[in-house]
Amino acid sequence: MNPLKQSIPSCLLLASVLGLQAGEMSVPVAASPTPLPPSPVEKEWRWTSTSYAWLTDISGDITVRDYQFPIDVGMDDVLKDLDFSYMSYSEISYKRWSLGLDVVYAKLSNDRTFAVGPLSGDAGFELEQALITGRLQYTAVNNGALKLDLFTGCRWNYYDVDLHVDTGRRDIHRTGNEDWFDVIVGARAVIQLGGNWFLQSMGDIGGFGAESDLTWQASAGMGYHFTPCISGVLGYRAMGVDYNKGGFLMDTVSHGPALGLSFSF
């Protein structure tokens, strides 16, 4: 049993939509024709910028240079160990097509003493992680009540790990870094609930054995339009990865609440 605890927050992605409705005007038969006012036209070009926070609980295993470290870390540990974090989502769209970029970066470190039965000593870690996902999206449905986007893209994964355990009689020190690209496919849906409320969900899956054996994520939340250009979402996000190459293994699941604020222009 290895006493070292790891924490990897890895981090929710957010977007807003506008429904358009056009009414009909009835004209008496005897009256001269009256032209209808033009229907509102959605902007052809649109830019959305989202900043969000994702608090994670993580479990699984990391192997560095053939030494395996089990992970079972709660959200409170993530908050204590976090040195720096940055999360954002940006999207530019033209009519039915859009490009999205999701960025997650985190740096963590921890040193602690431990005692497990007759075994005691010092343990610590430093971890730097980056996940950058680019998506090409197409709006398959947009009827005012539902907007459904289908997408494909690529996720860049980067991990730099420094782990050590010192029991006095044995000093174990492992360092390693790895990066790889995973192809993904997925979908995103936004459902208008009436008033300013909406539901949002998104999911993707990829890897397929090319680099990762499997990578996936899923999220769902409830949002509110504060103005036509500003919206917020509170939800839950989960992400998993299973990668094993060259003596480096990352087999983890991260999940937790997420909160974001979006600005659209």
Foldseek 3Di string as FASTA:
>chain_A
DDPDEDDDDFDDDDDDDAAWDDDDDDDDPPDDDDDDDDGDDDDQKKKKKKWKDWQKFKWDWKWFQNRIDTYGGHSVVCVVFWDDKGWMKIKMGGHFKIKIKTKIKTKGKDKDWDDDPPFIFIWMKIKIKIKIKMWIWGFPDRNRFKTKIWIKTKIKIKMWMWIWTPRPVDIDIGTDIDIDMKIKIWMKMWGDPPDFKIKIKIKMKTDVVPFWVIKMKIKIWMKGDPDPFKMKTKIKMKIFTFGDPDRITDGMIMIGIMIMMMGMD
